[in-house]
Amino acid sequence: MWRKSFPILLVGILTLPLCDAVADESQSPLERSKPLAQEFMKTLMKELGVAISQGGPTGAVEVCKEVSAQVENDFREKHEDILRVRRITLKTRNPELHTPTEEQRKWLEGMEQNWKEKPSPEPDVIESATMTTVLFPIAIQKSLCLMCHGDPETFSSELKESLAVHYPKDKATGYEMGDFRGALTIEWKKANE
């Protein structure tokens, strides 16, 4: 009995701090964002893994288009003080949803330049008059990512066709392992002062 219930108890204890971090509005936006970013990426990667196992890279393209936007929207709806949750990049696949603001673009350019010399996976914060944006750098860390974001010369004709149909303005290819890809951003409303 103890052996069966111990893992459940351990998981419950380990996740308590995450629950508190999400609920504690007295924490900084950075601290409040960390568990949300982990949950977001875990959810998205799970969906992508299922899609790839069922339909290969072509299936993942469809999931990215539909599920990514839905997951981003779901996170925003769960938290009334969040303006937006999304992934941004300088090489967008879906420019309607993932084009950075001017401030975010400048941050991405600086991060990309610095990444070549010293990769920094630490989150950062941009303050503006209306919002606080927490940015979590994203790097190409798995060969899985290169299936759709690597060298287009290696893509199957089905994948190329799927990308052309779902993402006619796609620029998100040509990456190599370890490259800086962009950032997950969580944009928080500023409290009225």
N, C-alpha and C. Protein backbone atom coordinates (compact mmCIF):
# COMPACT_ATOMS: atom_id res chain seq x y z
N MET A 1 0.82 -1.19 0.00
CA MET A 1 0.00 0.00 0.00
C MET A 1 0.87 1.26 0.00
N TRP A 2 1.83 1.30 0.92
CA TRP A 2 2.70 2.46 1.04
C TRP A 2 3.47 2.70 -0.26
N ARG A 3 3.97 1.61 -0.87
CA ARG A 3 4.74 1.74 -2.11
C ARG A 3 3.90 2.34 -3.23
N LYS A 4 2.62 2.01 -3.26
CA LYS A 4 1.75 2.53 -4.31
C LYS A 4 1.38 3.98 -4.08
N SER A 5 1.18 4.37 -2.84
CA SER A 5 0.73 5.73 -2.56
C SER A 5 1.88 6.72 -2.41
N PHE A 6 3.10 6.25 -2.13
CA PHE A 6 4.22 7.16 -1.92
C PHE A 6 4.50 8.02 -3.15
N PRO A 7 4.56 7.46 -4.38
CA PRO A 7 4.82 8.32 -5.54
C PRO A 7 3.75 9.40 -5.71
N ILE A 8 2.51 9.07 -5.43
CA ILE A 8 1.44 10.06 -5.56
C ILE A 8 1.63 11.16 -4.52
N LEU A 9 1.95 10.79 -3.30
CA LEU A 9 2.20 11.75 -2.24
C LEU A 9 3.38 12.63 -2.59
N LEU A 10 4.46 12.03 -3.10
CA LEU A 10 5.65 12.78 -3.47
C LEU A 10 5.35 13.78 -4.57
N VAL A 11 4.63 13.37 -5.59
CA VAL A 11 4.25 14.28 -6.67
C VAL A 11 3.41 15.42 -6.12
N GLY A 12 2.47 15.12 -5.24
CA GLY A 12 1.63 16.15 -4.64
C GLY A 12 2.45 17.17 -3.87
N ILE A 13 3.41 16.71 -3.10
CA ILE A 13 4.26 17.61 -2.32
C ILE A 13 5.12 18.47 -3.24
N LEU A 14 5.69 17.86 -4.27
CA LEU A 14 6.57 18.59 -5.17
C LEU A 14 5.83 19.64 -5.99
N THR A 15 4.55 19.43 -6.25
CA THR A 15 3.81 20.41 -7.05
C THR A 15 3.15 21.49 -6.23
N LEU A 16 3.15 21.38 -4.91
CA LEU A 16 2.56 22.43 -4.08
C LEU A 16 3.19 23.79 -4.33
N PRO A 17 4.52 23.91 -4.39
CA PRO A 17 5.08 25.23 -4.64
C PRO A 17 4.62 25.82 -5.96
N LEU A 18 4.41 24.99 -6.98
CA LEU A 18 3.93 25.50 -8.26
C LEU A 18 2.53 26.07 -8.13
N CYS A 19 1.67 25.39 -7.38
CA CYS A 19 0.31 25.88 -7.19
C CYS A 19 0.33 27.22 -6.48
N ASP A 20 1.16 27.35 -5.46
CA ASP A 20 1.25 28.60 -4.73
C ASP A 20 1.77 29.72 -5.63
N ALA A 21 2.74 29.40 -6.50
CA ALA A 21 3.32 30.42 -7.35
C ALA A 21 2.30 30.97 -8.32
N VAL A 22 1.43 30.11 -8.83
CA VAL A 22 0.41 30.57 -9.76
C VAL A 22 -0.63 31.42 -9.05
N ALA A 23 -0.98 31.06 -7.84
CA ALA A 23 -2.06 31.74 -7.14
C ALA A 23 -1.60 32.99 -6.42
N ASP A 24 -0.32 33.15 -6.11
CA ASP A 24 0.17 34.25 -5.30
C ASP A 24 0.40 35.49 -6.16
N GLU A 25 -0.56 36.39 -6.15
CA GLU A 25 -0.46 37.59 -6.97
C GLU A 25 0.51 38.61 -6.40
N SER A 26 1.04 38.38 -5.20
CA SER A 26 2.02 39.31 -4.63
C SER A 26 3.41 39.08 -5.22
N GLN A 27 3.59 37.98 -5.93
CA GLN A 27 4.88 37.71 -6.55
C GLN A 27 5.07 38.58 -7.79
N SER A 28 6.32 38.74 -8.18
CA SER A 28 6.63 39.50 -9.38
C SER A 28 6.09 38.76 -10.60
N PRO A 29 5.87 39.50 -11.70
CA PRO A 29 5.44 38.82 -12.93
C PRO A 29 6.41 37.72 -13.36
N LEU A 30 7.70 37.92 -13.14
CA LEU A 30 8.68 36.90 -13.50
C LEU A 30 8.44 35.62 -12.71
N GLU A 31 8.29 35.73 -11.40
CA GLU A 31 8.06 34.55 -10.57
C GLU A 31 6.72 33.90 -10.89
N ARG A 32 5.71 34.69 -11.17
CA ARG A 32 4.40 34.14 -11.52
C ARG A 32 4.42 33.46 -12.88
N SER A 33 5.31 33.89 -13.75
CA SER A 33 5.37 33.36 -15.11
C SER A 33 6.08 32.02 -15.21
N LYS A 34 7.03 31.76 -14.33
CA LYS A 34 7.84 30.55 -14.44
C LYS A 34 7.01 29.27 -14.49
N PRO A 35 6.08 29.03 -13.55
CA PRO A 35 5.31 27.79 -13.64
C PRO A 35 4.38 27.77 -14.85
N LEU A 36 3.90 28.95 -15.27
CA LEU A 36 3.03 29.01 -16.45
C LEU A 36 3.82 28.64 -17.71
N ALA A 37 5.04 29.13 -17.81
CA ALA A 37 5.88 28.82 -18.97
C ALA A 37 6.18 27.33 -19.03
N GLN A 38 6.49 26.74 -17.88
CA GLN A 38 6.75 25.30 -17.83
C GLN A 38 5.52 24.51 -18.27
N GLU A 39 4.37 24.90 -17.75
CA GLU A 39 3.13 24.20 -18.09
C GLU A 39 2.80 24.37 -19.58
N PHE A 40 2.98 25.57 -20.09
CA PHE A 40 2.69 25.84 -21.50
C PHE A 40 3.56 24.97 -22.41
N MET A 41 4.87 24.98 -22.18
CA MET A 41 5.77 24.22 -23.04
C MET A 41 5.52 22.72 -22.91
N LYS A 42 5.22 22.27 -21.71
CA LYS A 42 4.93 20.85 -21.51
C LYS A 42 3.67 20.46 -22.29
N THR A 43 2.64 21.28 -22.22
CA THR A 43 1.39 21.01 -22.94
C THR A 43 1.62 21.00 -24.44
N LEU A 44 2.32 22.00 -24.95
CA LEU A 44 2.56 22.09 -26.38
C LEU A 44 3.43 20.93 -26.88
N MET A 45 4.48 20.60 -26.15
CA MET A 45 5.36 19.51 -26.57
C MET A 45 4.63 18.17 -26.54
N LYS A 46 3.74 18.00 -25.58
CA LYS A 46 2.95 16.76 -25.52
C LYS A 46 2.08 16.64 -26.77
N GLU A 47 1.40 17.73 -27.12
CA GLU A 47 0.54 17.72 -28.31
C GLU A 47 1.36 17.46 -29.58
N LEU A 48 2.53 18.08 -29.66
CA LEU A 48 3.38 17.87 -30.83
C LEU A 48 3.87 16.43 -30.91
N GLY A 49 4.25 15.88 -29.76
CA GLY A 49 4.70 14.48 -29.73
C GLY A 49 3.64 13.52 -30.22
N VAL A 50 2.41 13.74 -29.78
CA VAL A 50 1.29 12.89 -30.22
C VAL A 50 1.08 13.06 -31.72
N ALA A 51 1.10 14.31 -32.20
CA ALA A 51 0.89 14.56 -33.62
C ALA A 51 1.97 13.93 -34.48
N ILE A 52 3.21 14.02 -34.04
CA ILE A 52 4.31 13.43 -34.82
C ILE A 52 4.21 11.92 -34.82
N SER A 53 3.86 11.33 -33.68
CA SER A 53 3.75 9.86 -33.63
C SER A 53 2.60 9.36 -34.50
N GLN A 54 1.57 10.18 -34.67
CA GLN A 54 0.42 9.76 -35.47
C GLN A 54 0.52 10.15 -36.94
N GLY A 55 1.15 11.30 -37.22
CA GLY A 55 1.16 11.77 -38.60
C GLY A 55 2.49 12.27 -39.10
N GLY A 56 3.57 12.03 -38.34
CA GLY A 56 4.88 12.51 -38.76
C GLY A 56 4.95 14.03 -38.73
N PRO A 57 6.01 14.59 -39.32
CA PRO A 57 6.16 16.04 -39.32
C PRO A 57 4.99 16.78 -39.95
N THR A 58 4.38 16.17 -40.97
CA THR A 58 3.23 16.81 -41.61
C THR A 58 2.08 16.98 -40.62
N GLY A 59 1.87 15.98 -39.78
CA GLY A 59 0.83 16.08 -38.75
C GLY A 59 1.16 17.15 -37.73
N ALA A 60 2.44 17.32 -37.43
CA ALA A 60 2.86 18.34 -36.46
C ALA A 60 2.58 19.74 -36.98
N VAL A 61 2.68 19.94 -38.29
CA VAL A 61 2.42 21.26 -38.87
C VAL A 61 0.99 21.68 -38.57
N GLU A 62 0.05 20.77 -38.75
CA GLU A 62 -1.35 21.08 -38.48
C GLU A 62 -1.58 21.34 -36.99
N VAL A 63 -0.94 20.56 -36.13
CA VAL A 63 -1.08 20.76 -34.69
C VAL A 63 -0.54 22.12 -34.29
N CYS A 64 0.62 22.46 -34.81
CA CYS A 64 1.21 23.76 -34.48
C CYS A 64 0.25 24.89 -34.86
N LYS A 65 -0.35 24.78 -36.01
CA LYS A 65 -1.24 25.85 -36.47
C LYS A 65 -2.48 25.96 -35.60
N GLU A 66 -3.12 24.86 -35.29
CA GLU A 66 -4.37 24.88 -34.53
C GLU A 66 -4.15 24.85 -33.02
N VAL A 67 -3.39 23.89 -32.56
CA VAL A 67 -3.25 23.67 -31.12
C VAL A 67 -2.44 24.77 -30.46
N SER A 68 -1.38 25.22 -31.11
CA SER A 68 -0.55 26.27 -30.52
C SER A 68 -1.38 27.51 -30.21
N ALA A 69 -2.16 27.96 -31.17
CA ALA A 69 -3.00 29.14 -30.96
C ALA A 69 -4.03 28.89 -29.87
N GLN A 70 -4.59 27.68 -29.82
CA GLN A 70 -5.59 27.36 -28.81
C GLN A 70 -4.97 27.32 -27.42
N VAL A 71 -3.79 26.71 -27.30
CA VAL A 71 -3.11 26.64 -26.00
C VAL A 71 -2.76 28.06 -25.53
N GLU A 72 -2.27 28.88 -26.44
CA GLU A 72 -1.95 30.27 -26.09
C GLU A 72 -3.19 31.00 -25.59
N ASN A 73 -4.30 30.83 -26.27
CA ASN A 73 -5.55 31.47 -25.88
C ASN A 73 -6.07 30.92 -24.55
N ASP A 74 -6.00 29.61 -24.35
CA ASP A 74 -6.46 29.00 -23.10
C ASP A 74 -5.71 29.56 -21.90
N PHE A 75 -4.41 29.73 -22.03
CA PHE A 75 -3.62 30.27 -20.92
C PHE A 75 -4.04 31.71 -20.62
N ARG A 76 -4.28 32.48 -21.65
CA ARG A 76 -4.70 33.87 -21.44
C ARG A 76 -6.05 33.91 -20.74
N GLU A 77 -6.96 33.07 -21.15
CA GLU A 77 -8.30 33.06 -20.55
C GLU A 77 -8.30 32.60 -19.10
N LYS A 78 -7.36 31.77 -18.72
CA LYS A 78 -7.29 31.28 -17.33
C LYS A 78 -6.84 32.36 -16.36
N HIS A 79 -6.18 33.38 -16.85
CA HIS A 79 -5.59 34.40 -15.98
C HIS A 79 -6.01 35.78 -16.48
N GLU A 80 -6.91 36.41 -15.76
CA GLU A 80 -7.47 37.69 -16.22
C GLU A 80 -6.45 38.82 -16.29
N ASP A 81 -5.34 38.70 -15.57
CA ASP A 81 -4.34 39.76 -15.62
C ASP A 81 -3.26 39.52 -16.67
N ILE A 82 -3.44 38.48 -17.49
CA ILE A 82 -2.53 38.24 -18.60
C ILE A 82 -3.17 38.77 -19.88
N LEU A 83 -2.42 39.59 -20.59
CA LEU A 83 -2.89 40.11 -21.87
C LEU A 83 -2.74 39.08 -22.98
N ARG A 84 -1.58 38.40 -22.97
CA ARG A 84 -1.30 37.48 -24.06
C ARG A 84 -0.19 36.52 -23.67
N VAL A 85 -0.30 35.29 -24.14
CA VAL A 85 0.76 34.28 -24.03
C VAL A 85 1.02 33.84 -25.47
N ARG A 86 2.28 33.93 -25.89
CA ARG A 86 2.59 33.52 -27.26
C ARG A 86 4.08 33.32 -27.42
N ARG A 87 4.42 32.69 -28.51
CA ARG A 87 5.82 32.54 -28.87
C ARG A 87 6.14 33.57 -29.94
N ILE A 88 7.29 34.21 -29.80
CA ILE A 88 7.71 35.22 -30.77
C ILE A 88 9.08 34.83 -31.34
N THR A 89 9.37 35.36 -32.50
CA THR A 89 10.63 35.05 -33.17
C THR A 89 10.90 36.09 -34.25
N LEU A 90 12.13 36.16 -34.69
CA LEU A 90 12.48 37.02 -35.81
C LEU A 90 12.18 36.32 -37.14
N LYS A 91 12.09 34.99 -37.11
CA LYS A 91 11.78 34.20 -38.31
C LYS A 91 10.45 33.50 -38.07
N THR A 92 9.37 34.20 -38.33
CA THR A 92 8.05 33.68 -38.00
C THR A 92 7.58 32.62 -38.99
N ARG A 93 6.77 31.75 -38.46
CA ARG A 93 6.05 30.78 -39.28
C ARG A 93 4.63 31.28 -39.44
N ASN A 94 4.09 31.89 -38.41
CA ASN A 94 2.73 32.41 -38.41
C ASN A 94 2.78 33.88 -37.99
N PRO A 95 3.05 34.78 -38.93
CA PRO A 95 3.26 36.19 -38.57
C PRO A 95 2.04 36.87 -37.94
N GLU A 96 0.85 36.39 -38.25
CA GLU A 96 -0.35 37.00 -37.67
C GLU A 96 -0.38 36.86 -36.15
N LEU A 97 0.16 35.76 -35.63
CA LEU A 97 0.13 35.51 -34.18
C LEU A 97 1.46 35.72 -33.49
N HIS A 98 2.57 35.57 -34.19
CA HIS A 98 3.86 35.49 -33.51
C HIS A 98 4.87 36.56 -33.89
N THR A 99 4.42 37.64 -34.50
CA THR A 99 5.32 38.75 -34.79
C THR A 99 5.53 39.56 -33.52
N PRO A 100 6.78 39.81 -33.15
CA PRO A 100 7.03 40.54 -31.91
C PRO A 100 6.68 42.02 -32.02
N THR A 101 6.45 42.64 -30.86
CA THR A 101 6.31 44.09 -30.82
C THR A 101 7.69 44.69 -31.12
N GLU A 102 7.76 45.99 -31.28
CA GLU A 102 9.05 46.63 -31.56
C GLU A 102 10.04 46.40 -30.42
N GLU A 103 9.59 46.54 -29.17
CA GLU A 103 10.47 46.30 -28.02
C GLU A 103 10.93 44.84 -27.98
N GLN A 104 10.01 43.94 -28.26
CA GLN A 104 10.35 42.52 -28.26
C GLN A 104 11.32 42.18 -29.39
N ARG A 105 11.12 42.81 -30.54
CA ARG A 105 12.01 42.58 -31.68
C ARG A 105 13.44 42.99 -31.33
N LYS A 106 13.58 44.15 -30.67
CA LYS A 106 14.92 44.61 -30.27
C LYS A 106 15.54 43.62 -29.28
N TRP A 107 14.73 43.11 -28.35
CA TRP A 107 15.23 42.13 -27.39
C TRP A 107 15.68 40.86 -28.11
N LEU A 108 14.86 40.39 -29.05
CA LEU A 108 15.20 39.18 -29.82
C LEU A 108 16.51 39.37 -30.60
N GLU A 109 16.67 40.54 -31.22
CA GLU A 109 17.89 40.80 -31.99
C GLU A 109 19.12 40.78 -31.09
N GLY A 110 19.01 41.41 -29.92
CA GLY A 110 20.12 41.41 -28.97
C GLY A 110 20.42 40.01 -28.46
N MET A 111 19.36 39.27 -28.14
CA MET A 111 19.53 37.91 -27.63
C MET A 111 20.16 37.01 -28.69
N GLU A 112 19.70 37.14 -29.93
CA GLU A 112 20.25 36.31 -31.01
C GLU A 112 21.74 36.60 -31.20
N GLN A 113 22.11 37.87 -31.16
CA GLN A 113 23.52 38.24 -31.32
C GLN A 113 24.36 37.68 -30.17
N ASN A 114 23.88 37.85 -28.95
CA ASN A 114 24.61 37.38 -27.77
C ASN A 114 24.63 35.86 -27.67
N TRP A 115 23.60 35.21 -28.20
CA TRP A 115 23.46 33.75 -28.09
C TRP A 115 24.65 33.04 -28.74
N LYS A 116 25.14 33.60 -29.82
CA LYS A 116 26.25 32.98 -30.54
C LYS A 116 27.50 32.90 -29.68
N GLU A 117 27.70 33.92 -28.83
CA GLU A 117 28.86 33.95 -27.96
C GLU A 117 28.59 33.27 -26.62
N LYS A 118 27.40 33.50 -26.07
CA LYS A 118 27.08 32.96 -24.75
C LYS A 118 25.58 32.72 -24.64
N PRO A 119 25.15 31.48 -24.93
CA PRO A 119 23.72 31.18 -24.79
C PRO A 119 23.24 31.46 -23.37
N SER A 120 22.12 32.14 -23.27
CA SER A 120 21.56 32.49 -21.95
C SER A 120 20.11 32.06 -21.88
N PRO A 121 19.85 30.92 -21.26
CA PRO A 121 18.46 30.45 -21.18
C PRO A 121 17.64 31.13 -20.09
N GLU A 122 18.23 32.12 -19.41
CA GLU A 122 17.52 32.78 -18.32
C GLU A 122 16.41 33.69 -18.85
N PRO A 123 15.26 33.71 -18.18
CA PRO A 123 14.18 34.60 -18.59
C PRO A 123 14.56 36.06 -18.37
N ASP A 124 13.86 36.93 -19.06
CA ASP A 124 14.11 38.37 -18.96
C ASP A 124 12.77 39.09 -18.88
N VAL A 125 12.81 40.38 -18.56
CA VAL A 125 11.59 41.17 -18.40
C VAL A 125 11.73 42.47 -19.17
N ILE A 126 10.67 42.85 -19.89
CA ILE A 126 10.59 44.15 -20.55
C ILE A 126 9.41 44.89 -19.93
N GLU A 127 9.67 46.09 -19.44
CA GLU A 127 8.61 46.93 -18.87
C GLU A 127 8.20 47.99 -19.89
N SER A 128 6.91 48.21 -20.03
CA SER A 128 6.41 49.32 -20.83
C SER A 128 5.34 50.02 -20.01
N ALA A 129 4.75 51.05 -20.56
CA ALA A 129 3.73 51.81 -19.83
C ALA A 129 2.49 50.98 -19.53
N THR A 130 2.17 50.04 -20.41
CA THR A 130 0.91 49.30 -20.27
C THR A 130 1.06 47.85 -19.84
N MET A 131 2.28 47.29 -19.96
CA MET A 131 2.41 45.88 -19.62
C MET A 131 3.83 45.53 -19.19
N THR A 132 3.92 44.38 -18.55
CA THR A 132 5.20 43.76 -18.20
C THR A 132 5.28 42.47 -19.00
N THR A 133 6.31 42.36 -19.83
CA THR A 133 6.48 41.16 -20.64
C THR A 133 7.61 40.32 -20.08
N VAL A 134 7.31 39.07 -19.79
CA VAL A 134 8.33 38.13 -19.34
C VAL A 134 8.67 37.24 -20.54
N LEU A 135 9.95 37.16 -20.85
CA LEU A 135 10.41 36.42 -22.03
C LEU A 135 11.27 35.23 -21.61
N PHE A 136 10.91 34.07 -22.11
CA PHE A 136 11.66 32.84 -21.85
C PHE A 136 12.31 32.40 -23.16
N PRO A 137 13.65 32.51 -23.26
CA PRO A 137 14.32 32.14 -24.51
C PRO A 137 14.03 30.69 -24.90
N ILE A 138 13.89 30.48 -26.20
CA ILE A 138 13.68 29.14 -26.76
C ILE A 138 14.84 28.85 -27.71
N ALA A 139 15.46 27.70 -27.51
CA ALA A 139 16.55 27.26 -28.39
C ALA A 139 16.14 25.95 -29.05
N ILE A 140 16.77 25.67 -30.16
CA ILE A 140 16.59 24.37 -30.82
C ILE A 140 17.42 23.37 -30.02
N GLN A 141 16.73 22.55 -29.22
CA GLN A 141 17.43 21.63 -28.32
C GLN A 141 17.18 20.16 -28.63
N LYS A 142 16.26 19.89 -29.54
CA LYS A 142 15.94 18.50 -29.85
C LYS A 142 15.92 18.32 -31.36
N SER A 143 16.36 17.15 -31.80
CA SER A 143 16.34 16.87 -33.23
C SER A 143 14.91 16.91 -33.76
N LEU A 144 13.97 16.66 -32.89
CA LEU A 144 12.55 16.74 -33.24
C LEU A 144 12.21 18.11 -33.85
N CYS A 145 12.79 19.18 -33.28
CA CYS A 145 12.53 20.54 -33.77
C CYS A 145 13.00 20.72 -35.21
N LEU A 146 14.12 20.06 -35.53
CA LEU A 146 14.71 20.23 -36.85
C LEU A 146 13.91 19.54 -37.94
N MET A 147 13.01 18.65 -37.56
CA MET A 147 12.17 17.98 -38.55
C MET A 147 11.36 18.99 -39.36
N CYS A 148 10.96 20.09 -38.71
CA CYS A 148 10.16 21.12 -39.38
C CYS A 148 10.84 22.48 -39.44
N HIS A 149 11.91 22.66 -38.64
CA HIS A 149 12.58 23.96 -38.58
C HIS A 149 14.03 23.90 -39.07
N GLY A 150 14.48 22.75 -39.52
CA GLY A 150 15.85 22.59 -39.99
C GLY A 150 16.03 23.02 -41.43
N ASP A 151 16.94 22.34 -42.11
CA ASP A 151 17.26 22.64 -43.51
C ASP A 151 16.11 22.18 -44.41
N PRO A 152 15.46 23.11 -45.12
CA PRO A 152 14.33 22.74 -45.98
C PRO A 152 14.70 21.73 -47.07
N GLU A 153 15.98 21.64 -47.41
CA GLU A 153 16.41 20.66 -48.42
C GLU A 153 16.20 19.23 -47.93
N THR A 154 16.12 19.05 -46.62
CA THR A 154 15.94 17.71 -46.05
C THR A 154 14.46 17.37 -45.84
N PHE A 155 13.56 18.31 -46.08
CA PHE A 155 12.13 18.09 -45.86
C PHE A 155 11.54 17.23 -46.97
N SER A 156 10.60 16.37 -46.60
CA SER A 156 9.88 15.58 -47.60
C SER A 156 8.98 16.50 -48.43
N SER A 157 8.58 16.02 -49.59
CA SER A 157 7.69 16.83 -50.43
C SER A 157 6.35 17.07 -49.73
N GLU A 158 5.88 16.08 -48.95
CA GLU A 158 4.62 16.24 -48.21
C GLU A 158 4.74 17.34 -47.17
N LEU A 159 5.87 17.39 -46.47
CA LEU A 159 6.08 18.43 -45.46
C LEU A 159 6.17 19.80 -46.12
N LYS A 160 6.91 19.90 -47.21
CA LYS A 160 7.01 21.18 -47.91
C LYS A 160 5.64 21.66 -48.36
N GLU A 161 4.83 20.74 -48.87
CA GLU A 161 3.48 21.10 -49.31
C GLU A 161 2.61 21.54 -48.13
N SER A 162 2.69 20.82 -47.02
CA SER A 162 1.91 21.17 -45.84
C SER A 162 2.30 22.54 -45.30
N LEU A 163 3.60 22.82 -45.26
CA LEU A 163 4.06 24.13 -44.80
C LEU A 163 3.57 25.23 -45.73
N ALA A 164 3.61 24.98 -47.04
CA ALA A 164 3.15 25.99 -48.00
C ALA A 164 1.66 26.27 -47.86
N VAL A 165 0.88 25.23 -47.56
CA VAL A 165 -0.57 25.39 -47.40
C VAL A 165 -0.91 26.10 -46.09
N HIS A 166 -0.32 25.61 -44.99
CA HIS A 166 -0.67 26.14 -43.67
C HIS A 166 0.07 27.42 -43.31
N TYR A 167 1.26 27.59 -43.84
CA TYR A 167 2.09 28.75 -43.51
C TYR A 167 2.73 29.34 -44.77
N PRO A 168 1.94 30.00 -45.60
CA PRO A 168 2.49 30.52 -46.85
C PRO A 168 3.59 31.58 -46.66
N LYS A 169 3.66 32.19 -45.48
CA LYS A 169 4.68 33.22 -45.21
C LYS A 169 5.80 32.68 -44.31
N ASP A 170 5.99 31.38 -44.30
CA ASP A 170 6.94 30.72 -43.40
C ASP A 170 8.38 31.19 -43.63
N LYS A 171 9.02 31.59 -42.53
CA LYS A 171 10.44 31.94 -42.55
C LYS A 171 11.21 31.13 -41.49
N ALA A 172 10.52 30.21 -40.82
CA ALA A 172 11.08 29.54 -39.63
C ALA A 172 11.82 28.25 -39.96
N THR A 173 12.72 28.32 -40.93
CA THR A 173 13.53 27.15 -41.28
C THR A 173 15.00 27.55 -41.31
N GLY A 174 15.85 26.55 -41.50
CA GLY A 174 17.28 26.82 -41.59
C GLY A 174 18.00 26.80 -40.26
N TYR A 175 17.33 26.34 -39.23
CA TYR A 175 17.95 26.28 -37.90
C TYR A 175 18.84 25.05 -37.76
N GLU A 176 19.78 25.15 -36.83
CA GLU A 176 20.64 24.03 -36.47
C GLU A 176 20.54 23.82 -34.97
N MET A 177 20.98 22.66 -34.52
CA MET A 177 20.94 22.33 -33.10
C MET A 177 21.65 23.41 -32.28
N GLY A 178 20.98 23.88 -31.24
CA GLY A 178 21.55 24.89 -30.35
C GLY A 178 21.24 26.32 -30.73
N ASP A 179 20.68 26.54 -31.92
CA ASP A 179 20.36 27.90 -32.36
C ASP A 179 19.28 28.52 -31.48
N PHE A 180 19.35 29.84 -31.35
CA PHE A 180 18.31 30.61 -30.69
C PHE A 180 17.11 30.67 -31.63
N ARG A 181 15.95 30.27 -31.14
CA ARG A 181 14.74 30.21 -31.98
C ARG A 181 13.82 31.40 -31.75
N GLY A 182 13.73 31.87 -30.50
CA GLY A 182 12.81 32.95 -30.17
C GLY A 182 12.53 32.94 -28.68
N ALA A 183 11.29 33.29 -28.32
CA ALA A 183 10.95 33.32 -26.90
C ALA A 183 9.47 33.04 -26.70
N LEU A 184 9.18 32.43 -25.57
CA LEU A 184 7.81 32.35 -25.08
C LEU A 184 7.60 33.62 -24.27
N THR A 185 6.56 34.37 -24.58
CA THR A 185 6.29 35.60 -23.84
C THR A 185 4.99 35.48 -23.08
N ILE A 186 5.01 36.02 -21.88
CA ILE A 186 3.79 36.16 -21.08
C ILE A 186 3.68 37.64 -20.79
N GLU A 187 2.63 38.25 -21.34
CA GLU A 187 2.44 39.70 -21.22
C GLU A 187 1.39 39.97 -20.15
N TRP A 188 1.81 40.62 -19.07
CA TRP A 188 0.95 40.92 -17.93
C TRP A 188 0.45 42.35 -17.99
N LYS A 189 -0.81 42.55 -17.66
CA LYS A 189 -1.35 43.91 -17.53
C LYS A 189 -0.66 44.60 -16.38
N LYS A 190 -0.40 45.88 -16.56
CA LYS A 190 0.14 46.67 -15.45
C LYS A 190 -1.00 47.02 -14.51
N ALA A 191 -0.73 46.94 -13.23
CA ALA A 191 -1.73 47.32 -12.24
C ALA A 191 -1.94 48.83 -12.32
N ASN A 192 -3.18 49.26 -12.22
CA ASN A 192 -3.46 50.70 -12.22
C ASN A 192 -2.84 51.33 -10.99
N GLU A 193 -2.03 52.33 -11.22
CA GLU A 193 -1.34 52.96 -10.09
C GLU A 193 -2.05 54.21 -9.64
